[in-house]
């Protein structure tokens, strides 16, 4: 899967913009971004 579903279903602090899905790392709380490009490269 792309990872997008987990961004929304597991993470309370996820926001979606045209760039991608912004969320806070479950490890250290740092800001992270999942874009279409990053999802495919993963």
ModelCIF file with pLDDT and N, C-alpha, C, O atoms, coordinates in Angstrom:
data_MODEL
#
_entry.id   MODEL 
#
_entity.id                         1 
_entity.type                       polymer 
_entity.pdbx_number_of_molecules   1 
#
_entity_poly.entity_id                      1 
_entity_poly.type                           'polypeptide(L)' 
_entity_poly.nstd_linkage                   no 
_entity_poly.nstd_monomer                   no 
_entity_poly.pdbx_seq_one_letter_code       
;(UNK)(UNK)(UNK)(UNK)(UNK)(UNK)(UNK)(UNK)(UNK)(UNK)(UNK)(UNK)(UNK)(UNK)(UNK)(UNK)
(UNK)(UNK)(UNK)(UNK)(UNK)(UNK)(UNK)(UNK)(UNK)(UNK)(UNK)(UNK)(UNK)(UNK)(UNK)(UNK)
(UNK)(UNK)(UNK)(UNK)(UNK)(UNK)(UNK)(UNK)(UNK)(UNK)
;
_entity_poly.pdbx_seq_one_letter_code_can   XXXXXXXXXXXXXXXXXXXXXXXXXXXXXXXXXXXXXXXXXX 
_entity_poly.pdbx_strand_id                 A 
#
loop_
_entity_poly_seq.entity_id 
_entity_poly_seq.num 
_entity_poly_seq.mon_id 
_entity_poly_seq.hetero 
1 1  UNK n 
1 2  UNK n 
1 3  UNK n 
1 4  UNK n 
1 5  UNK n 
1 6  UNK n 
1 7  UNK n 
1 8  UNK n 
1 9  UNK n 
1 10 UNK n 
1 11 UNK n 
1 12 UNK n 
1 13 UNK n 
1 14 UNK n 
1 15 UNK n 
1 16 UNK n 
1 17 UNK n 
1 18 UNK n 
1 19 UNK n 
1 20 UNK n 
1 21 UNK n 
1 22 UNK n 
1 23 UNK n 
1 24 UNK n 
1 25 UNK n 
1 26 UNK n 
1 27 UNK n 
1 28 UNK n 
1 29 UNK n 
1 30 UNK n 
1 31 UNK n 
1 32 UNK n 
1 33 UNK n 
1 34 UNK n 
1 35 UNK n 
1 36 UNK n 
1 37 UNK n 
1 38 UNK n 
1 39 UNK n 
1 40 UNK n 
1 41 UNK n 
1 42 UNK n 
#
_struct_asym.id          A 
_struct_asym.entity_id   1 
#
loop_
_ma_qa_metric.id 
_ma_qa_metric.mode 
_ma_qa_metric.name 
_ma_qa_metric.software_group_id 
_ma_qa_metric.type 
1 global pLDDT . pLDDT 
2 local  pLDDT . pLDDT 
#
_ma_qa_metric_global.metric_id      1 
_ma_qa_metric_global.metric_value   81.74 
_ma_qa_metric_global.model_id       1 
_ma_qa_metric_global.ordinal_id     1 
#
loop_
_ma_qa_metric_local.label_asym_id 
_ma_qa_metric_local.label_comp_id 
_ma_qa_metric_local.label_seq_id 
_ma_qa_metric_local.metric_id 
_ma_qa_metric_local.metric_value 
_ma_qa_metric_local.model_id 
_ma_qa_metric_local.ordinal_id 
A UNK 1  2 94.00 1 1  
A UNK 2  2 90.00 1 2  
A UNK 3  2 80.00 1 3  
A UNK 4  2 73.00 1 4  
A UNK 5  2 71.00 1 5  
A UNK 6  2 67.00 1 6  
A UNK 7  2 64.00 1 7  
A UNK 8  2 62.00 1 8  
A UNK 9  2 63.00 1 9  
A UNK 10 2 60.00 1 10 
A UNK 11 2 59.00 1 11 
A UNK 12 2 64.00 1 12 
A UNK 13 2 69.00 1 13 
A UNK 14 2 79.00 1 14 
A UNK 15 2 85.00 1 15 
A UNK 16 2 89.00 1 16 
A UNK 17 2 93.00 1 17 
A UNK 18 2 97.00 1 18 
A UNK 19 2 97.00 1 19 
A UNK 20 2 95.00 1 20 
A UNK 21 2 90.00 1 21 
A UNK 22 2 87.00 1 22 
A UNK 23 2 80.00 1 23 
A UNK 24 2 75.00 1 24 
A UNK 25 2 71.00 1 25 
A UNK 26 2 68.00 1 26 
A UNK 27 2 68.00 1 27 
A UNK 28 2 74.00 1 28 
A UNK 29 2 74.00 1 29 
A UNK 30 2 77.00 1 30 
A UNK 31 2 81.00 1 31 
A UNK 32 2 81.00 1 32 
A UNK 33 2 89.00 1 33 
A UNK 34 2 91.00 1 34 
A UNK 35 2 96.00 1 35 
A UNK 36 2 97.00 1 36 
A UNK 37 2 98.00 1 37 
A UNK 38 2 96.00 1 38 
A UNK 39 2 96.00 1 39 
A UNK 40 2 98.00 1 40 
A UNK 41 2 98.00 1 41 
A UNK 42 2 97.00 1 42 
#
loop_
_atom_site.group_PDB 
_atom_site.id 
_atom_site.type_symbol 
_atom_site.label_atom_id 
_atom_site.label_alt_id 
_atom_site.label_comp_id 
_atom_site.label_asym_id 
_atom_site.label_entity_id 
_atom_site.label_seq_id 
_atom_site.pdbx_PDB_ins_code 
_atom_site.Cartn_x 
_atom_site.Cartn_y 
_atom_site.Cartn_z 
_atom_site.occupancy 
_atom_site.B_iso_or_equiv 
_atom_site.pdbx_formal_charge 
_atom_site.auth_seq_id 
_atom_site.auth_comp_id 
_atom_site.auth_asym_id 
_atom_site.auth_atom_id 
_atom_site.pdbx_PDB_model_num 
ATOM 1   N N  . UNK A 1 1  ? 0.852  -1.176 0.000  1.00 94.00 ? 1  UNK A N  1 
ATOM 2   C CA . UNK A 1 1  ? 0.000  0.000  0.000  1.00 94.00 ? 1  UNK A CA 1 
ATOM 3   C C  . UNK A 1 1  ? 0.893  1.233  0.000  1.00 94.00 ? 1  UNK A C  1 
ATOM 4   O O  . UNK A 1 1  ? 2.116  1.119  0.087  1.00 94.00 ? 1  UNK A O  1 
ATOM 5   N N  . UNK A 1 2  ? 0.287  2.401  -0.097 1.00 90.00 ? 2  UNK A N  1 
ATOM 6   C CA . UNK A 1 2  ? 1.087  3.618  -0.272 1.00 90.00 ? 2  UNK A CA 1 
ATOM 7   C C  . UNK A 1 2  ? 1.570  4.226  1.031  1.00 90.00 ? 2  UNK A C  1 
ATOM 8   O O  . UNK A 1 2  ? 2.499  5.033  1.036  1.00 90.00 ? 2  UNK A O  1 
ATOM 9   N N  . UNK A 1 3  ? 0.939  3.843  2.147  1.00 80.00 ? 3  UNK A N  1 
ATOM 10  C CA . UNK A 1 3  ? 1.235  4.478  3.426  1.00 80.00 ? 3  UNK A CA 1 
ATOM 11  C C  . UNK A 1 3  ? 0.247  5.564  3.786  1.00 80.00 ? 3  UNK A C  1 
ATOM 12  O O  . UNK A 1 3  ? 0.196  5.990  4.940  1.00 80.00 ? 3  UNK A O  1 
ATOM 13  N N  . UNK A 1 4  ? -0.538 6.022  2.830  1.00 73.00 ? 4  UNK A N  1 
ATOM 14  C CA . UNK A 1 4  ? -1.454 7.127  3.082  1.00 73.00 ? 4  UNK A CA 1 
ATOM 15  C C  . UNK A 1 4  ? -2.562 6.792  4.062  1.00 73.00 ? 4  UNK A C  1 
ATOM 16  O O  . UNK A 1 4  ? -2.952 7.634  4.871  1.00 73.00 ? 4  UNK A O  1 
ATOM 17  N N  . UNK A 1 5  ? -3.076 5.559  3.999  1.00 71.00 ? 5  UNK A N  1 
ATOM 18  C CA . UNK A 1 5  ? -4.160 5.181  4.893  1.00 71.00 ? 5  UNK A CA 1 
ATOM 19  C C  . UNK A 1 5  ? -3.713 5.251  6.347  1.00 71.00 ? 5  UNK A C  1 
ATOM 20  O O  . UNK A 1 5  ? -4.464 5.709  7.208  1.00 71.00 ? 5  UNK A O  1 
ATOM 21  N N  . UNK A 1 6  ? -2.471 4.790  6.628  1.00 67.00 ? 6  UNK A N  1 
ATOM 22  C CA . UNK A 1 6  ? -1.968 4.829  7.994  1.00 67.00 ? 6  UNK A CA 1 
ATOM 23  C C  . UNK A 1 6  ? -1.783 6.261  8.484  1.00 67.00 ? 6  UNK A C  1 
ATOM 24  O O  . UNK A 1 6  ? -1.948 6.549  9.669  1.00 67.00 ? 6  UNK A O  1 
ATOM 25  N N  . UNK A 1 7  ? -1.440 7.148  7.563  1.00 64.00 ? 7  UNK A N  1 
ATOM 26  C CA . UNK A 1 7  ? -1.297 8.545  7.956  1.00 64.00 ? 7  UNK A CA 1 
ATOM 27  C C  . UNK A 1 7  ? -2.594 9.062  8.580  1.00 64.00 ? 7  UNK A C  1 
ATOM 28  O O  . UNK A 1 7  ? -2.579 9.799  9.565  1.00 64.00 ? 7  UNK A O  1 
ATOM 29  N N  . UNK A 1 8  ? -3.701 8.661  7.989  1.00 62.00 ? 8  UNK A N  1 
ATOM 30  C CA . UNK A 1 8  ? -4.995 9.174  8.425  1.00 62.00 ? 8  UNK A CA 1 
ATOM 31  C C  . UNK A 1 8  ? -5.565 8.356  9.579  1.00 62.00 ? 8  UNK A C  1 
ATOM 32  O O  . UNK A 1 8  ? -6.129 8.916  10.518 1.00 62.00 ? 8  UNK A O  1 
ATOM 33  N N  . UNK A 1 9  ? -5.418 7.017  9.512  1.00 63.00 ? 9  UNK A N  1 
ATOM 34  C CA . UNK A 1 9  ? -6.077 6.165  10.491 1.00 63.00 ? 9  UNK A CA 1 
ATOM 35  C C  . UNK A 1 9  ? -5.309 6.046  11.804 1.00 63.00 ? 9  UNK A C  1 
ATOM 36  O O  . UNK A 1 9  ? -5.918 5.848  12.855 1.00 63.00 ? 9  UNK A O  1 
ATOM 37  N N  . UNK A 1 10 ? -3.983 6.163  11.761 1.00 60.00 ? 10 UNK A N  1 
ATOM 38  C CA . UNK A 1 10 ? -3.182 5.938  12.959 1.00 60.00 ? 10 UNK A CA 1 
ATOM 39  C C  . UNK A 1 10 ? -2.694 7.221  13.622 1.00 60.00 ? 10 UNK A C  1 
ATOM 40  O O  . UNK A 1 10 ? -2.425 7.223  14.823 1.00 60.00 ? 10 UNK A O  1 
ATOM 41  N N  . UNK A 1 11 ? -2.579 8.275  12.892 1.00 59.00 ? 11 UNK A N  1 
ATOM 42  C CA . UNK A 1 11 ? -1.948 9.483  13.412 1.00 59.00 ? 11 UNK A CA 1 
ATOM 43  C C  . UNK A 1 11 ? -2.969 10.603 13.581 1.00 59.00 ? 11 UNK A C  1 
ATOM 44  O O  . UNK A 1 11 ? -3.614 11.024 12.621 1.00 59.00 ? 11 UNK A O  1 
ATOM 45  N N  . UNK A 1 12 ? -3.101 11.070 14.801 1.00 64.00 ? 12 UNK A N  1 
ATOM 46  C CA . UNK A 1 12 ? -4.099 12.088 15.104 1.00 64.00 ? 12 UNK A CA 1 
ATOM 47  C C  . UNK A 1 12 ? -3.727 13.452 14.517 1.00 64.00 ? 12 UNK A C  1 
ATOM 48  O O  . UNK A 1 12 ? -4.601 14.256 14.192 1.00 64.00 ? 12 UNK A O  1 
ATOM 49  N N  . UNK A 1 13 ? -2.446 13.696 14.387 1.00 69.00 ? 13 UNK A N  1 
ATOM 50  C CA . UNK A 1 13 ? -2.013 15.025 13.986 1.00 69.00 ? 13 UNK A CA 1 
ATOM 51  C C  . UNK A 1 13 ? -1.538 15.047 12.538 1.00 69.00 ? 13 UNK A C  1 
ATOM 52  O O  . UNK A 1 13 ? -0.515 15.661 12.235 1.00 69.00 ? 13 UNK A O  1 
ATOM 53  N N  . UNK A 1 14 ? -2.262 14.390 11.643 1.00 79.00 ? 14 UNK A N  1 
ATOM 54  C CA . UNK A 1 14 ? -1.922 14.397 10.223 1.00 79.00 ? 14 UNK A CA 1 
ATOM 55  C C  . UNK A 1 14 ? -2.784 15.418 9.500  1.00 79.00 ? 14 UNK A C  1 
ATOM 56  O O  . UNK A 1 14 ? -3.989 15.504 9.737  1.00 79.00 ? 14 UNK A O  1 
ATOM 57  N N  . UNK A 1 15 ? -2.170 16.182 8.629  1.00 85.00 ? 15 UNK A N  1 
ATOM 58  C CA . UNK A 1 15 ? -2.911 17.128 7.796  1.00 85.00 ? 15 UNK A CA 1 
ATOM 59  C C  . UNK A 1 15 ? -2.516 16.905 6.342  1.00 85.00 ? 15 UNK A C  1 
ATOM 60  O O  . UNK A 1 15 ? -1.361 16.608 6.038  1.00 85.00 ? 15 UNK A O  1 
ATOM 61  N N  . UNK A 1 16 ? -3.483 17.052 5.453  1.00 89.00 ? 16 UNK A N  1 
ATOM 62  C CA . UNK A 1 16 ? -3.257 16.794 4.033  1.00 89.00 ? 16 UNK A CA 1 
ATOM 63  C C  . UNK A 1 16 ? -3.254 18.115 3.281  1.00 89.00 ? 16 UNK A C  1 
ATOM 64  O O  . UNK A 1 16 ? -4.185 18.913 3.390  1.00 89.00 ? 16 UNK A O  1 
ATOM 65  N N  . UNK A 1 17 ? -2.201 18.328 2.524  1.00 93.00 ? 17 UNK A N  1 
ATOM 66  C CA . UNK A 1 17 ? -2.105 19.484 1.634  1.00 93.00 ? 17 UNK A CA 1 
ATOM 67  C C  . UNK A 1 17 ? -1.843 18.965 0.231  1.00 93.00 ? 17 UNK A C  1 
ATOM 68  O O  . UNK A 1 17 ? -1.690 17.760 0.027  1.00 93.00 ? 17 UNK A O  1 
ATOM 69  N N  . UNK A 1 18 ? -1.790 19.882 -0.745 1.00 97.00 ? 18 UNK A N  1 
ATOM 70  C CA . UNK A 1 18 ? -1.511 19.437 -2.110 1.00 97.00 ? 18 UNK A CA 1 
ATOM 71  C C  . UNK A 1 18 ? -0.142 18.790 -2.214 1.00 97.00 ? 18 UNK A C  1 
ATOM 72  O O  . UNK A 1 18 ? 0.068  17.918 -3.056 1.00 97.00 ? 18 UNK A O  1 
ATOM 73  N N  . UNK A 1 19 ? 0.787  19.204 -1.372 1.00 97.00 ? 19 UNK A N  1 
ATOM 74  C CA . UNK A 1 19 ? 2.131  18.632 -1.415 1.00 97.00 ? 19 UNK A CA 1 
ATOM 75  C C  . UNK A 1 19 ? 2.140  17.180 -0.967 1.00 97.00 ? 19 UNK A C  1 
ATOM 76  O O  . UNK A 1 19 ? 2.836  16.356 -1.559 1.00 97.00 ? 19 UNK A O  1 
ATOM 77  N N  . UNK A 1 20 ? 1.375  16.852 0.071  1.00 95.00 ? 20 UNK A N  1 
ATOM 78  C CA . UNK A 1 20 ? 1.353  15.504 0.608  1.00 95.00 ? 20 UNK A CA 1 
ATOM 79  C C  . UNK A 1 20 ? 0.704  15.476 1.978  1.00 95.00 ? 20 UNK A C  1 
ATOM 80  O O  . UNK A 1 20 ? -0.110 16.338 2.307  1.00 95.00 ? 20 UNK A O  1 
ATOM 81  N N  . UNK A 1 21 ? 1.067  14.482 2.774  1.00 90.00 ? 21 UNK A N  1 
ATOM 82  C CA . UNK A 1 21 ? 0.508  14.313 4.115  1.00 90.00 ? 21 UNK A CA 1 
ATOM 83  C C  . UNK A 1 21 ? 1.548  14.724 5.141  1.00 90.00 ? 21 UNK A C  1 
ATOM 84  O O  . UNK A 1 21 ? 2.625  14.133 5.216  1.00 90.00 ? 21 UNK A O  1 
ATOM 85  N N  . UNK A 1 22 ? 1.224  15.735 5.930  1.00 87.00 ? 22 UNK A N  1 
ATOM 86  C CA . UNK A 1 22 ? 2.118  16.178 7.001  1.00 87.00 ? 22 UNK A CA 1 
ATOM 87  C C  . UNK A 1 22 ? 1.708  15.476 8.287  1.00 87.00 ? 22 UNK A C  1 
ATOM 88  O O  . UNK A 1 22 ? 0.521  15.381 8.600  1.00 87.00 ? 22 UNK A O  1 
ATOM 89  N N  . UNK A 1 23 ? 2.700  14.984 9.034  1.00 80.00 ? 23 UNK A N  1 
ATOM 90  C CA . UNK A 1 23 ? 2.390  14.317 10.293 1.00 80.00 ? 23 UNK A CA 1 
ATOM 91  C C  . UNK A 1 23 ? 3.584  14.439 11.223 1.00 80.00 ? 23 UNK A C  1 
ATOM 92  O O  . UNK A 1 23 ? 4.664  14.869 10.818 1.00 80.00 ? 23 UNK A O  1 
ATOM 93  N N  . UNK A 1 24 ? 3.373  14.056 12.476 1.00 75.00 ? 24 UNK A N  1 
ATOM 94  C CA . UNK A 1 24 ? 4.434  14.076 13.464 1.00 75.00 ? 24 UNK A CA 1 
ATOM 95  C C  . UNK A 1 24 ? 4.977  12.669 13.643 1.00 75.00 ? 24 UNK A C  1 
ATOM 96  O O  . UNK A 1 24 ? 4.211  11.711 13.748 1.00 75.00 ? 24 UNK A O  1 
ATOM 97  N N  . UNK A 1 25 ? 6.278  12.545 13.678 1.00 71.00 ? 25 UNK A N  1 
ATOM 98  C CA . UNK A 1 25 ? 6.912  11.242 13.831 1.00 71.00 ? 25 UNK A CA 1 
ATOM 99  C C  . UNK A 1 25 ? 6.422  10.551 15.102 1.00 71.00 ? 25 UNK A C  1 
ATOM 100 O O  . UNK A 1 25 ? 6.411  11.162 16.171 1.00 71.00 ? 25 UNK A O  1 
ATOM 101 N N  . UNK A 1 26 ? 6.014  9.275  14.997 1.00 68.00 ? 26 UNK A N  1 
ATOM 102 C CA . UNK A 1 26 ? 5.596  8.549  16.204 1.00 68.00 ? 26 UNK A CA 1 
ATOM 103 C C  . UNK A 1 26 ? 6.772  8.252  17.137 1.00 68.00 ? 26 UNK A C  1 
ATOM 104 O O  . UNK A 1 26 ? 6.574  7.828  18.276 1.00 68.00 ? 26 UNK A O  1 
ATOM 105 N N  . UNK A 1 27 ? 8.003  8.477  16.647 1.00 68.00 ? 27 UNK A N  1 
ATOM 106 C CA . UNK A 1 27 ? 9.181  8.198  17.470 1.00 68.00 ? 27 UNK A CA 1 
ATOM 107 C C  . UNK A 1 27 ? 9.595  9.389  18.311 1.00 68.00 ? 27 UNK A C  1 
ATOM 108 O O  . UNK A 1 27 ? 9.778  9.261  19.521 1.00 68.00 ? 27 UNK A O  1 
ATOM 109 N N  . UNK A 1 28 ? 9.745  10.557 17.679 1.00 74.00 ? 28 UNK A N  1 
ATOM 110 C CA . UNK A 1 28 ? 10.253 11.706 18.427 1.00 74.00 ? 28 UNK A CA 1 
ATOM 111 C C  . UNK A 1 28 ? 9.406  12.960 18.271 1.00 74.00 ? 28 UNK A C  1 
ATOM 112 O O  . UNK A 1 28 ? 9.771  14.021 18.778 1.00 74.00 ? 28 UNK A O  1 
ATOM 113 N N  . UNK A 1 29 ? 8.273  12.849 17.571 1.00 74.00 ? 29 UNK A N  1 
ATOM 114 C CA . UNK A 1 29 ? 7.387  13.989 17.436 1.00 74.00 ? 29 UNK A CA 1 
ATOM 115 C C  . UNK A 1 29 ? 7.825  15.034 16.436 1.00 74.00 ? 29 UNK A C  1 
ATOM 116 O O  . UNK A 1 29 ? 7.211  16.097 16.345 1.00 74.00 ? 29 UNK A O  1 
ATOM 117 N N  . UNK A 1 30 ? 8.881  14.753 15.680 1.00 77.00 ? 30 UNK A N  1 
ATOM 118 C CA . UNK A 1 30 ? 9.363  15.732 14.708 1.00 77.00 ? 30 UNK A CA 1 
ATOM 119 C C  . UNK A 1 30 ? 8.457  15.756 13.486 1.00 77.00 ? 30 UNK A C  1 
ATOM 120 O O  . UNK A 1 30 ? 7.875  14.730 13.133 1.00 77.00 ? 30 UNK A O  1 
ATOM 121 N N  . UNK A 1 31 ? 8.324  16.930 12.823 1.00 81.00 ? 31 UNK A N  1 
ATOM 122 C CA . UNK A 1 31 ? 7.461  17.023 11.637 1.00 81.00 ? 31 UNK A CA 1 
ATOM 123 C C  . UNK A 1 31 ? 8.004  16.166 10.492 1.00 81.00 ? 31 UNK A C  1 
ATOM 124 O O  . UNK A 1 31 ? 9.210  16.130 10.251 1.00 81.00 ? 31 UNK A O  1 
ATOM 125 N N  . UNK A 1 32 ? 7.092  15.472 9.784  1.00 81.00 ? 32 UNK A N  1 
ATOM 126 C CA . UNK A 1 32 ? 7.468  14.646 8.646  1.00 81.00 ? 32 UNK A CA 1 
ATOM 127 C C  . UNK A 1 32 ? 6.449  14.866 7.526  1.00 81.00 ? 32 UNK A C  1 
ATOM 128 O O  . UNK A 1 32 ? 5.352  15.376 7.757  1.00 81.00 ? 32 UNK A O  1 
ATOM 129 N N  . UNK A 1 33 ? 6.829  14.474 6.321  1.00 89.00 ? 33 UNK A N  1 
ATOM 130 C CA . UNK A 1 33 ? 5.956  14.656 5.157  1.00 89.00 ? 33 UNK A CA 1 
ATOM 131 C C  . UNK A 1 33 ? 6.019  13.414 4.271  1.00 89.00 ? 33 UNK A C  1 
ATOM 132 O O  . UNK A 1 33 ? 7.101  12.946 3.915  1.00 89.00 ? 33 UNK A O  1 
ATOM 133 N N  . UNK A 1 34 ? 4.863  12.897 3.925  1.00 91.00 ? 34 UNK A N  1 
ATOM 134 C CA . UNK A 1 34 ? 4.776  11.815 2.942  1.00 91.00 ? 34 UNK A CA 1 
ATOM 135 C C  . UNK A 1 34 ? 4.155  12.400 1.681  1.00 91.00 ? 34 UNK A C  1 
ATOM 136 O O  . UNK A 1 34 ? 2.983  12.775 1.667  1.00 91.00 ? 34 UNK A O  1 
ATOM 137 N N  . UNK A 1 35 ? 4.951  12.472 0.627  1.00 96.00 ? 35 UNK A N  1 
ATOM 138 C CA . UNK A 1 35 ? 4.476  12.973 -0.657 1.00 96.00 ? 35 UNK A CA 1 
ATOM 139 C C  . UNK A 1 35 ? 4.255  11.794 -1.609 1.00 96.00 ? 35 UNK A C  1 
ATOM 140 O O  . UNK A 1 35 ? 4.734  10.694 -1.333 1.00 96.00 ? 35 UNK A O  1 
ATOM 141 N N  . UNK A 1 36 ? 3.548  11.995 -2.712 1.00 97.00 ? 36 UNK A N  1 
ATOM 142 C CA . UNK A 1 36 ? 3.426  10.927 -3.697 1.00 97.00 ? 36 UNK A CA 1 
ATOM 143 C C  . UNK A 1 36 ? 4.784  10.407 -4.153 1.00 97.00 ? 36 UNK A C  1 
ATOM 144 O O  . UNK A 1 36 ? 4.966  9.204  -4.344 1.00 97.00 ? 36 UNK A O  1 
ATOM 145 N N  . UNK A 1 37 ? 5.734  11.322 -4.326 1.00 98.00 ? 37 UNK A N  1 
ATOM 146 C CA . UNK A 1 37 ? 7.077  10.918 -4.784 1.00 98.00 ? 37 UNK A CA 1 
ATOM 147 C C  . UNK A 1 37 ? 7.781  10.062 -3.737 1.00 98.00 ? 37 UNK A C  1 
ATOM 148 O O  . UNK A 1 37 ? 8.398  9.049  -4.068 1.00 98.00 ? 37 UNK A O  1 
ATOM 149 N N  . UNK A 1 38 ? 7.687  10.474 -2.466 1.00 96.00 ? 38 UNK A N  1 
ATOM 150 C CA . UNK A 1 38 ? 8.368  9.718  -1.409 1.00 96.00 ? 38 UNK A CA 1 
ATOM 151 C C  . UNK A 1 38 ? 7.732  8.345  -1.230 1.00 96.00 ? 38 UNK A C  1 
ATOM 152 O O  . UNK A 1 38 ? 8.433  7.356  -1.017 1.00 96.00 ? 38 UNK A O  1 
ATOM 153 N N  . UNK A 1 39 ? 6.401  8.284  -1.317 1.00 96.00 ? 39 UNK A N  1 
ATOM 154 C CA . UNK A 1 39 ? 5.715  7.000  -1.207 1.00 96.00 ? 39 UNK A CA 1 
ATOM 155 C C  . UNK A 1 39 ? 6.205  6.029  -2.279 1.00 96.00 ? 39 UNK A C  1 
ATOM 156 O O  . UNK A 1 39 ? 6.484  4.866  -1.987 1.00 96.00 ? 39 UNK A O  1 
ATOM 157 N N  . UNK A 1 40 ? 6.308  6.507  -3.518 1.00 98.00 ? 40 UNK A N  1 
ATOM 158 C CA . UNK A 1 40 ? 6.752  5.645  -4.615 1.00 98.00 ? 40 UNK A CA 1 
ATOM 159 C C  . UNK A 1 40 ? 8.217  5.260  -4.440 1.00 98.00 ? 40 UNK A C  1 
ATOM 160 O O  . UNK A 1 40 ? 8.584  4.112  -4.693 1.00 98.00 ? 40 UNK A O  1 
ATOM 161 N N  . UNK A 1 41 ? 9.055  6.193  -4.015 1.00 98.00 ? 41 UNK A N  1 
ATOM 162 C CA . UNK A 1 41 ? 10.468 5.860  -3.825 1.00 98.00 ? 41 UNK A CA 1 
ATOM 163 C C  . UNK A 1 41 ? 10.649 4.834  -2.706 1.00 98.00 ? 41 UNK A C  1 
ATOM 164 O O  . UNK A 1 41 ? 11.522 3.970  -2.795 1.00 98.00 ? 41 UNK A O  1 
ATOM 165 N N  . UNK A 1 42 ? 9.828  4.921  -1.648 1.00 97.00 ? 42 UNK A N  1 
ATOM 166 C CA . UNK A 1 42 ? 9.860  3.888  -0.612 1.00 97.00 ? 42 UNK A CA 1 
ATOM 167 C C  . UNK A 1 42 ? 9.450  2.540  -1.192 1.00 97.00 ? 42 UNK A C  1 
ATOM 168 O O  . UNK A 1 42 ? 9.416  1.542  -0.471 1.00 97.00 ? 42 UNK A O  1 
#
